Amino acid sequence: AGKTSLCRAFIRALTENPAQEVPSPSFTLLQTYECRKASIWHYD
């Protein structure tokens, strides 16, 4: 329905990297990313 699509775009915007690889954390359960504001913790 679009959950991961929104997460990918959100993370790319915050990391200021439109090419940022953002795999779905379906199997790892968690992916983290660094940006200027704070770390981003993406759970599935």
All heavy atoms as atom14 arrays in JSON, in Angstrom:
{
  "sequence": "AGKTSLCRAFIRALTENPAQEVPSPSFTLLQTYECRKASIWHYD",
  "atom14_mask": [
    [1, 1, 1, 1, 1, 0, 0, 0, 0, 0, 0, 0, 0, 0],
    [1, 1, 1, 1, 0, 0, 0, 0, 0, 0, 0, 0, 0, 0],
    [1, 1, 1, 1, 1, 1, 1, 1, 1, 0, 0, 0, 0, 0],
    [1, 1, 1, 1, 1, 1, 1, 0, 0, 0, 0, 0, 0, 0],
    [1, 1, 1, 1, 1, 1, 0, 0, 0, 0, 0, 0, 0, 0],
    [1, 1, 1, 1, 1, 1, 1, 1, 0, 0, 0, 0, 0, 0],
    [1, 1, 1, 1, 1, 1, 0, 0, 0, 0, 0, 0, 0, 0],
    [1, 1, 1, 1, 1, 1, 1, 1, 1, 1, 1, 0, 0, 0],
    [1, 1, 1, 1, 1, 0, 0, 0, 0, 0, 0, 0, 0, 0],
    [1, 1, 1, 1, 1, 1, 1, 1, 1, 1, 1, 0, 0, 0],
    [1, 1, 1, 1, 1, 1, 1, 1, 0, 0, 0, 0, 0, 0],
    [1, 1, 1, 1, 1, 1, 1, 1, 1, 1, 1, 0, 0, 0],
    [1, 1, 1, 1, 1, 0, 0, 0, 0, 0, 0, 0, 0, 0],
    [1, 1, 1, 1, 1, 1, 1, 1, 0, 0, 0, 0, 0, 0],
    [1, 1, 1, 1, 1, 1, 1, 0, 0, 0, 0, 0, 0, 0],
    [1, 1, 1, 1, 1, 1, 1, 1, 1, 0, 0, 0, 0, 0],
    [1, 1, 1, 1, 1, 1, 1, 1, 0, 0, 0, 0, 0, 0],
    [1, 1, 1, 1, 1, 1, 1, 0, 0, 0, 0, 0, 0, 0],
    [1, 1, 1, 1, 1, 0, 0, 0, 0, 0, 0, 0, 0, 0],
    [1, 1, 1, 1, 1, 1, 1, 1, 1, 0, 0, 0, 0, 0],
    [1, 1, 1, 1, 1, 1, 1, 1, 1, 0, 0, 0, 0, 0],
    [1, 1, 1, 1, 1, 1, 1, 0, 0, 0, 0, 0, 0, 0],
    [1, 1, 1, 1, 1, 1, 1, 0, 0, 0, 0, 0, 0, 0],
    [1, 1, 1, 1, 1, 1, 0, 0, 0, 0, 0, 0, 0, 0],
    [1, 1, 1, 1, 1, 1, 1, 0, 0, 0, 0, 0, 0, 0],
    [1, 1, 1, 1, 1, 1, 0, 0, 0, 0, 0, 0, 0, 0],
    [1, 1, 1, 1, 1, 1, 1, 1, 1, 1, 1, 0, 0, 0],
    [1, 1, 1, 1, 1, 1, 1, 0, 0, 0, 0, 0, 0, 0],
    [1, 1, 1, 1, 1, 1, 1, 1, 0, 0, 0, 0, 0, 0],
    [1, 1, 1, 1, 1, 1, 1, 1, 0, 0, 0, 0, 0, 0],
    [1, 1, 1, 1, 1, 1, 1, 1, 1, 0, 0, 0, 0, 0],
    [1, 1, 1, 1, 1, 1, 1, 0, 0, 0, 0, 0, 0, 0],
    [1, 1, 1, 1, 1, 1, 1, 1, 1, 1, 1, 1, 0, 0],
    [1, 1, 1, 1, 1, 1, 1, 1, 1, 0, 0, 0, 0, 0],
    [1, 1, 1, 1, 1, 1, 0, 0, 0, 0, 0, 0, 0, 0],
    [1, 1, 1, 1, 1, 1, 1, 1, 1, 1, 1, 0, 0, 0],
    [1, 1, 1, 1, 1, 1, 1, 1, 1, 0, 0, 0, 0, 0],
    [1, 1, 1, 1, 1, 0, 0, 0, 0, 0, 0, 0, 0, 0],
    [1, 1, 1, 1, 1, 1, 0, 0, 0, 0, 0, 0, 0, 0],
    [1, 1, 1, 1, 1, 1, 1, 1, 0, 0, 0, 0, 0, 0],
    [1, 1, 1, 1, 1, 1, 1, 1, 1, 1, 1, 1, 1, 1],
    [1, 1, 1, 1, 1, 1, 1, 1, 1, 1, 0, 0, 0, 0],
    [1, 1, 1, 1, 1, 1, 1, 1, 1, 1, 1, 1, 0, 0],
    [1, 1, 1, 1, 1, 1, 1, 1, 0, 0, 0, 0, 0, 0]
  ],
  "atom14_positions": [
    [[0.81, -1.23, 0.0], [0.0, 0.0, 0.0], [0.84, 1.28, 0.0], [0.29, 2.36, -0.15], [-0.96, 0.01, 1.18], [0.0, 0.0, 0.0], [0.0, 0.0, 0.0], [0.0, 0.0, 0.0], [0.0, 0.0, 0.0], [0.0, 0.0, 0.0], [0.0, 0.0, 0.0], [0.0, 0.0, 0.0], [0.0, 0.0, 0.0], [0.0, 0.0, 0.0]],
    [[2.16, 1.18, 0.2], [2.99, 2.38, 0.11], [3.83, 2.72, 1.33], [4.51, 3.75, 1.34], [0.0, 0.0, 0.0], [0.0, 0.0, 0.0], [0.0, 0.0, 0.0], [0.0, 0.0, 0.0], [0.0, 0.0, 0.0], [0.0, 0.0, 0.0], [0.0, 0.0, 0.0], [0.0, 0.0, 0.0], [0.0, 0.0, 0.0], [0.0, 0.0, 0.0]],
    [[3.8, 1.88, 2.34], [4.54, 2.17, 3.57], [6.04, 2.3, 3.3], [6.67, 3.29, 3.68], [4.28, 1.1, 4.63], [2.83, 0.98, 5.04], [2.61, -0.11, 6.08], [2.92, -1.5, 5.61], [2.05, -2.02, 4.55], [0.0, 0.0, 0.0], [0.0, 0.0, 0.0], [0.0, 0.0, 0.0], [0.0, 0.0, 0.0], [0.0, 0.0, 0.0]],
    [[6.62, 1.3, 2.67], [8.06, 1.31, 2.42], [8.43, 2.41, 1.43], [9.48, 3.04, 1.57], [8.54, -0.07, 1.94], [8.2, -1.05, 2.94], [10.05, -0.09, 1.74], [0.0, 0.0, 0.0], [0.0, 0.0, 0.0], [0.0, 0.0, 0.0], [0.0, 0.0, 0.0], [0.0, 0.0, 0.0], [0.0, 0.0, 0.0], [0.0, 0.0, 0.0]],
    [[7.59, 2.67, 0.45], [7.87, 3.76, -0.51], [7.99, 5.09, 0.21], [8.89, 5.89, -0.06], [6.76, 3.84, -1.55], [6.78, 2.71, -2.38], [0.0, 0.0, 0.0], [0.0, 0.0, 0.0], [0.0, 0.0, 0.0], [0.0, 0.0, 0.0], [0.0, 0.0, 0.0], [0.0, 0.0, 0.0], [0.0, 0.0, 0.0], [0.0, 0.0, 0.0]],
    [[7.07, 5.35, 1.15], [7.14, 6.59, 1.89], [8.4, 6.62, 2.76], [9.09, 7.63, 2.82], [5.9, 6.82, 2.76], [5.93, 8.21, 3.39], [4.65, 8.96, 3.11], [6.21, 8.14, 4.87], [0.0, 0.0, 0.0], [0.0, 0.0, 0.0], [0.0, 0.0, 0.0], [0.0, 0.0, 0.0], [0.0, 0.0, 0.0], [0.0, 0.0, 0.0]],
    [[8.72, 5.51, 3.4], [9.93, 5.46, 4.24], [11.18, 5.74, 3.42], [12.06, 6.49, 3.86], [10.04, 4.1, 4.92], [8.85, 3.84, 6.25], [0.0, 0.0, 0.0], [0.0, 0.0, 0.0], [0.0, 0.0, 0.0], [0.0, 0.0, 0.0], [0.0, 0.0, 0.0], [0.0, 0.0, 0.0], [0.0, 0.0, 0.0], [0.0, 0.0, 0.0]],
    [[11.28, 5.14, 2.24], [12.45, 5.36, 1.38], [12.6, 6.85, 1.05], [13.69, 7.42, 1.16], [12.33, 4.56, 0.09], [12.68, 3.13, 0.24], [12.8, 2.42, -1.11], [13.16, 1.05, -0.84], [12.34, 0.02, -1.02], [11.12, 0.2, -1.5], [12.75, -1.2, -0.72], [0.0, 0.0, 0.0], [0.0, 0.0, 0.0], [0.0, 0.0, 0.0]],
    [[11.53, 7.47, 0.63], [11.59, 8.88, 0.27], [11.9, 9.75, 1.48], [12.65, 10.73, 1.38], [10.28, 9.3, -0.39], [0.0, 0.0, 0.0], [0.0, 0.0, 0.0], [0.0, 0.0, 0.0], [0.0, 0.0, 0.0], [0.0, 0.0, 0.0], [0.0, 0.0, 0.0], [0.0, 0.0, 0.0], [0.0, 0.0, 0.0], [0.0, 0.0, 0.0]],
    [[11.34, 9.42, 2.63], [11.58, 10.15, 3.88], [13.07, 10.07, 4.25], [13.7, 11.09, 4.56], [10.71, 9.53, 4.98], [10.79, 10.19, 6.32], [9.87, 11.17, 6.68], [11.75, 9.81, 7.24], [9.93, 11.76, 7.94], [11.81, 10.39, 8.5], [10.9, 11.37, 8.85], [0.0, 0.0, 0.0], [0.0, 0.0, 0.0], [0.0, 0.0, 0.0]],
    [[13.62, 8.87, 4.21], [15.03, 8.67, 4.57], [15.94, 9.38, 3.57], [16.91, 10.04, 3.96], [15.35, 7.16, 4.67], [14.62, 6.59, 5.9], [16.85, 6.91, 4.73], [14.53, 5.07, 5.94], [0.0, 0.0, 0.0], [0.0, 0.0, 0.0], [0.0, 0.0, 0.0], [0.0, 0.0, 0.0], [0.0, 0.0, 0.0], [0.0, 0.0, 0.0]],
    [[15.65, 9.27, 2.3], [16.46, 9.95, 1.28], [16.41, 11.46, 1.47], [17.43, 12.15, 1.29], [16.0, 9.55, -0.11], [16.39, 8.12, -0.45], [15.84, 7.64, -1.76], [16.32, 6.29, -2.03], [15.69, 5.42, -2.79], [14.54, 5.76, -3.4], [16.2, 4.21, -2.96], [0.0, 0.0, 0.0], [0.0, 0.0, 0.0], [0.0, 0.0, 0.0]],
    [[15.26, 11.99, 1.84], [15.16, 13.44, 2.08], [16.0, 13.84, 3.29], [16.73, 14.84, 3.24], [13.7, 13.84, 2.29], [0.0, 0.0, 0.0], [0.0, 0.0, 0.0], [0.0, 0.0, 0.0], [0.0, 0.0, 0.0], [0.0, 0.0, 0.0], [0.0, 0.0, 0.0], [0.0, 0.0, 0.0], [0.0, 0.0, 0.0], [0.0, 0.0, 0.0]],
    [[15.92, 13.09, 4.38], [16.67, 13.46, 5.58], [18.17, 13.25, 5.43], [18.96, 14.0, 6.0], [16.16, 12.67, 6.79], [14.95, 13.26, 7.49], [14.5, 12.37, 8.64], [15.22, 14.66, 8.0], [0.0, 0.0, 0.0], [0.0, 0.0, 0.0], [0.0, 0.0, 0.0], [0.0, 0.0, 0.0], [0.0, 0.0, 0.0], [0.0, 0.0, 0.0]],
    [[18.59, 12.23, 4.69], [20.02, 12.02, 4.48], [20.56, 12.91, 3.37], [21.77, 12.96, 3.15], [20.33, 10.54, 4.14], [19.66, 10.19, 2.93], [19.95, 9.61, 5.27], [0.0, 0.0, 0.0], [0.0, 0.0, 0.0], [0.0, 0.0, 0.0], [0.0, 0.0, 0.0], [0.0, 0.0, 0.0], [0.0, 0.0, 0.0], [0.0, 0.0, 0.0]],
    [[19.64, 13.63, 2.7], [20.0, 14.52, 1.59], [20.75, 13.76, 0.51], [21.68, 14.28, -0.11], [20.8, 15.72, 2.1], [20.03, 16.54, 3.13], [20.86, 17.64, 3.77], [22.0, 17.9, 3.32], [20.36, 18.25, 4.72], [0.0, 0.0, 0.0], [0.0, 0.0, 0.0], [0.0, 0.0, 0.0], [0.0, 0.0, 0.0], [0.0, 0.0, 0.0]],
    [[20.33, 12.52, 0.28], [20.97, 11.67, -0.71], [19.89, 10.93, -1.5], [19.39, 9.89, -1.06], [21.9, 10.66, -0.01], [22.6, 9.75, -1.0], [22.38, 9.8, -2.2], [23.45, 8.88, -0.46], [0.0, 0.0, 0.0], [0.0, 0.0, 0.0], [0.0, 0.0, 0.0], [0.0, 0.0, 0.0], [0.0, 0.0, 0.0], [0.0, 0.0, 0.0]],
    [[19.51, 11.46, -2.67], [18.46, 10.82, -3.45], [18.81, 9.42, -3.94], [17.93, 8.66, -4.33], [18.24, 11.78, -4.63], [19.37, 12.72, -4.63], [20.01, 12.68, -3.27], [0.0, 0.0, 0.0], [0.0, 0.0, 0.0], [0.0, 0.0, 0.0], [0.0, 0.0, 0.0], [0.0, 0.0, 0.0], [0.0, 0.0, 0.0], [0.0, 0.0, 0.0]],
    [[20.09, 9.06, -3.89], [20.51, 7.72, -4.31], [20.73, 6.79, -3.11], [21.19, 5.66, -3.29], [21.79, 7.82, -5.14], [0.0, 0.0, 0.0], [0.0, 0.0, 0.0], [0.0, 0.0, 0.0], [0.0, 0.0, 0.0], [0.0, 0.0, 0.0], [0.0, 0.0, 0.0], [0.0, 0.0, 0.0], [0.0, 0.0, 0.0], [0.0, 0.0, 0.0]],
    [[20.42, 7.27, -1.91], [20.61, 6.46, -0.7], [19.94, 5.1, -0.86], [18.77, 5.02, -1.19], [20.01, 7.18, 0.51], [19.98, 6.39, 1.8], [21.35, 6.27, 2.44], [22.04, 7.26, 2.61], [21.76, 5.08, 2.76], [0.0, 0.0, 0.0], [0.0, 0.0, 0.0], [0.0, 0.0, 0.0], [0.0, 0.0, 0.0], [0.0, 0.0, 0.0]],
    [[20.69, 4.04, -0.65], [20.1, 2.7, -0.68], [19.28, 2.53, 0.59], [19.77, 2.73, 1.7], [21.19, 1.63, -0.75], [20.63, 0.25, -0.92], [21.69, -0.81, -1.09], [22.82, -0.47, -1.5], [21.4, -1.97, -0.77], [0.0, 0.0, 0.0], [0.0, 0.0, 0.0], [0.0, 0.0, 0.0], [0.0, 0.0, 0.0], [0.0, 0.0, 0.0]],
    [[18.02, 2.16, 0.42], [17.1, 1.99, 1.55], [16.38, 0.66, 1.37], [15.26, 0.6, 0.86], [16.08, 3.16, 1.65], [15.19, 2.97, 2.88], [16.79, 4.5, 1.7], [0.0, 0.0, 0.0], [0.0, 0.0, 0.0], [0.0, 0.0, 0.0], [0.0, 0.0, 0.0], [0.0, 0.0, 0.0], [0.0, 0.0, 0.0], [0.0, 0.0, 0.0]],
    [[17.03, -0.42, 1.8], [16.36, -1.72, 1.69], [15.25, -1.84, 2.73], [15.31, -1.24, 3.79], [17.49, -2.72, 1.98], [18.45, -1.97, 2.83], [18.37, -0.53, 2.37], [0.0, 0.0, 0.0], [0.0, 0.0, 0.0], [0.0, 0.0, 0.0], [0.0, 0.0, 0.0], [0.0, 0.0, 0.0], [0.0, 0.0, 0.0], [0.0, 0.0, 0.0]],
    [[14.25, -2.6, 2.39], [13.18, -2.86, 3.36], [13.77, -3.68, 4.5], [14.44, -4.68, 4.27], [12.04, -3.63, 2.71], [11.12, -4.03, 3.7], [0.0, 0.0, 0.0], [0.0, 0.0, 0.0], [0.0, 0.0, 0.0], [0.0, 0.0, 0.0], [0.0, 0.0, 0.0], [0.0, 0.0, 0.0], [0.0, 0.0, 0.0], [0.0, 0.0, 0.0]],
    [[13.51, -3.3, 5.75], [14.02, -4.08, 6.87], [13.12, -5.28, 7.25], [13.07, -5.68, 8.4], [14.11, -3.05, 8.0], [13.07, -2.05, 7.67], [12.97, -2.02, 6.17], [0.0, 0.0, 0.0], [0.0, 0.0, 0.0], [0.0, 0.0, 0.0], [0.0, 0.0, 0.0], [0.0, 0.0, 0.0], [0.0, 0.0, 0.0], [0.0, 0.0, 0.0]],
    [[12.41, -5.83, 6.27], [11.5, -6.94, 6.55], [12.21, -8.12, 7.21], [11.64, -8.76, 8.09], [10.83, -7.42, 5.28], [9.97, -6.44, 4.79], [0.0, 0.0, 0.0], [0.0, 0.0, 0.0], [0.0, 0.0, 0.0], [0.0, 0.0, 0.0], [0.0, 0.0, 0.0], [0.0, 0.0, 0.0], [0.0, 0.0, 0.0], [0.0, 0.0, 0.0]],
    [[13.43, -8.41, 6.8], [14.13, -9.57, 7.36], [15.1, -9.18, 8.46], [15.29, -9.92, 9.4], [14.82, -10.36, 6.25], [13.82, -11.02, 5.35], [13.5, -10.46, 4.13], [13.16, -12.17, 5.75], [12.54, -11.05, 3.31], [12.2, -12.76, 4.95], [11.9, -12.21, 3.72], [0.0, 0.0, 0.0], [0.0, 0.0, 0.0], [0.0, 0.0, 0.0]],
    [[15.72, -7.99, 8.34], [16.65, -7.55, 9.38], [15.9, -6.91, 10.56], [16.48, -6.75, 11.62], [17.65, -6.52, 8.81], [16.91, -5.4, 8.31], [18.5, -7.13, 7.71], [0.0, 0.0, 0.0], [0.0, 0.0, 0.0], [0.0, 0.0, 0.0], [0.0, 0.0, 0.0], [0.0, 0.0, 0.0], [0.0, 0.0, 0.0], [0.0, 0.0, 0.0]],
    [[14.66, -6.53, 10.35], [13.78, -5.87, 11.32], [14.13, -4.41, 11.58], [13.27, -3.62, 11.95], [13.72, -6.62, 12.65], [13.3, -8.09, 12.58], [13.34, -8.71, 13.97], [11.93, -8.23, 11.97], [0.0, 0.0, 0.0], [0.0, 0.0, 0.0], [0.0, 0.0, 0.0], [0.0, 0.0, 0.0], [0.0, 0.0, 0.0], [0.0, 0.0, 0.0]],
    [[15.4, -4.03, 11.37], [15.83, -2.66, 11.68], [16.96, -2.26, 10.76], [17.9, -3.03, 10.54], [16.29, -2.58, 13.13], [16.99, -1.3, 13.58], [16.06, -0.1, 13.5], [17.55, -1.45, 14.99], [0.0, 0.0, 0.0], [0.0, 0.0, 0.0], [0.0, 0.0, 0.0], [0.0, 0.0, 0.0], [0.0, 0.0, 0.0], [0.0, 0.0, 0.0]],
    [[16.87, -1.04, 10.24], [17.97, -0.39, 9.51], [18.13, 0.99, 10.13], [17.14, 1.63, 10.48], [17.64, -0.24, 8.02], [17.49, -1.52, 7.26], [18.82, -2.18, 6.96], [19.88, -1.57, 6.98], [18.78, -3.47, 6.7], [0.0, 0.0, 0.0], [0.0, 0.0, 0.0], [0.0, 0.0, 0.0], [0.0, 0.0, 0.0], [0.0, 0.0, 0.0]],
    [[19.37, 1.45, 10.26], [19.6, 2.8, 10.77], [20.37, 3.62, 9.73], [21.12, 3.07, 8.91], [20.38, 2.81, 12.1], [21.64, 2.18, 11.9], [19.6, 2.1, 13.18], [0.0, 0.0, 0.0], [0.0, 0.0, 0.0], [0.0, 0.0, 0.0], [0.0, 0.0, 0.0], [0.0, 0.0, 0.0], [0.0, 0.0, 0.0], [0.0, 0.0, 0.0]],
    [[20.15, 4.92, 9.78], [20.76, 5.87, 8.84], [21.16, 7.11, 9.62], [20.51, 7.47, 10.6], [19.76, 6.26, 7.74], [19.2, 5.07, 7.02], [18.07, 4.42, 7.5], [19.82, 4.57, 5.88], [17.56, 3.3, 6.86], [19.31, 3.45, 5.23], [18.18, 2.82, 5.73], [17.68, 1.71, 5.09], [0.0, 0.0, 0.0], [0.0, 0.0, 0.0]],
    [[22.21, 7.76, 9.16], [22.65, 8.99, 9.8], [22.24, 10.19, 8.95], [22.31, 10.15, 7.73], [24.17, 8.98, 9.97], [24.68, 7.91, 10.92], [24.11, 8.02, 12.32], [23.97, 9.15, 12.83], [23.8, 6.97, 12.9], [0.0, 0.0, 0.0], [0.0, 0.0, 0.0], [0.0, 0.0, 0.0], [0.0, 0.0, 0.0], [0.0, 0.0, 0.0]],
    [[21.82, 11.25, 9.63], [21.55, 12.51, 8.96], [21.93, 13.63, 9.91], [22.3, 13.37, 11.05], [20.09, 12.61, 8.52], [18.9, 12.77, 9.85], [0.0, 0.0, 0.0], [0.0, 0.0, 0.0], [0.0, 0.0, 0.0], [0.0, 0.0, 0.0], [0.0, 0.0, 0.0], [0.0, 0.0, 0.0], [0.0, 0.0, 0.0], [0.0, 0.0, 0.0]],
    [[21.84, 14.87, 9.45], [22.25, 16.0, 10.29], [21.39, 16.15, 11.53], [21.88, 16.52, 12.59], [22.22, 17.3, 9.49], [23.43, 17.44, 8.61], [23.54, 18.82, 8.06], [22.81, 18.89, 6.81], [22.41, 20.0, 6.24], [22.62, 21.15, 6.82], [21.78, 19.97, 5.09], [0.0, 0.0, 0.0], [0.0, 0.0, 0.0], [0.0, 0.0, 0.0]],
    [[20.11, 15.87, 11.44], [19.19, 16.07, 12.58], [19.38, 15.03, 13.67], [19.32, 15.36, 14.85], [17.74, 16.02, 12.11], [17.3, 17.2, 11.29], [15.82, 17.07, 10.96], [15.34, 18.21, 10.13], [13.89, 18.11, 9.86], [0.0, 0.0, 0.0], [0.0, 0.0, 0.0], [0.0, 0.0, 0.0], [0.0, 0.0, 0.0], [0.0, 0.0, 0.0]],
    [[19.53, 13.78, 13.28], [19.62, 12.67, 14.23], [19.77, 11.39, 13.43], [19.69, 11.4, 12.2], [18.35, 12.59, 15.08], [0.0, 0.0, 0.0], [0.0, 0.0, 0.0], [0.0, 0.0, 0.0], [0.0, 0.0, 0.0], [0.0, 0.0, 0.0], [0.0, 0.0, 0.0], [0.0, 0.0, 0.0], [0.0, 0.0, 0.0], [0.0, 0.0, 0.0]],
    [[19.92, 10.29, 14.12], [19.86, 9.0, 13.44], [18.4, 8.71, 13.1], [17.49, 9.16, 13.78], [20.39, 7.88, 14.33], [21.75, 8.07, 14.59], [0.0, 0.0, 0.0], [0.0, 0.0, 0.0], [0.0, 0.0, 0.0], [0.0, 0.0, 0.0], [0.0, 0.0, 0.0], [0.0, 0.0, 0.0], [0.0, 0.0, 0.0], [0.0, 0.0, 0.0]],
    [[18.21, 7.94, 12.03], [16.88, 7.48, 11.65], [16.86, 5.98, 11.89], [17.74, 5.26, 11.4], [16.59, 7.77, 10.16], [16.84, 9.24, 9.83], [15.17, 7.33, 9.81], [17.01, 9.5, 8.34], [0.0, 0.0, 0.0], [0.0, 0.0, 0.0], [0.0, 0.0, 0.0], [0.0, 0.0, 0.0], [0.0, 0.0, 0.0], [0.0, 0.0, 0.0]],
    [[15.89, 5.52, 12.65], [15.74, 4.09, 12.94], [14.48, 3.62, 12.22], [13.38, 4.07, 12.54], [15.62, 3.86, 14.45], [16.87, 4.19, 15.21], [17.6, 5.34, 15.17], [17.54, 3.34, 16.14], [18.66, 5.27, 16.02], [18.65, 4.05, 16.63], [17.28, 2.06, 16.62], [19.52, 3.52, 17.56], [18.15, 1.53, 17.56], [19.26, 2.24, 18.02]],
    [[14.66, 2.73, 11.25], [13.55, 2.25, 10.41], [13.28, 0.79, 10.77], [14.06, -0.1, 10.46], [13.93, 2.4, 8.94], [12.89, 1.92, 7.98], [13.18, 1.67, 6.67], [11.57, 1.64, 8.12], [12.09, 1.25, 6.05], [11.11, 1.23, 6.91], [0.0, 0.0, 0.0], [0.0, 0.0, 0.0], [0.0, 0.0, 0.0], [0.0, 0.0, 0.0]],
    [[12.14, 0.57, 11.41], [11.72, -0.77, 11.82], [10.65, -1.3, 10.87], [9.78, -0.55, 10.43], [11.09, -0.74, 13.22], [12.04, -0.5, 14.35], [12.3, 0.79, 14.81], [12.64, -1.57, 15.02], [13.15, 1.02, 15.88], [13.49, -1.35, 16.09], [13.74, -0.06, 16.51], [14.58, 0.15, 17.58], [0.0, 0.0, 0.0], [0.0, 0.0, 0.0]],
    [[10.71, -2.59, 10.6], [9.61, -3.31, 9.95], [9.28, -4.48, 10.86], [10.06, -5.42, 11.0], [10.02, -3.81, 8.56], [8.88, -4.46, 7.81], [8.01, -5.09, 8.46], [8.85, -4.37, 6.57], [0.0, 0.0, 0.0], [0.0, 0.0, 0.0], [0.0, 0.0, 0.0], [0.0, 0.0, 0.0], [0.0, 0.0, 0.0], [0.0, 0.0, 0.0]]
  ]
}
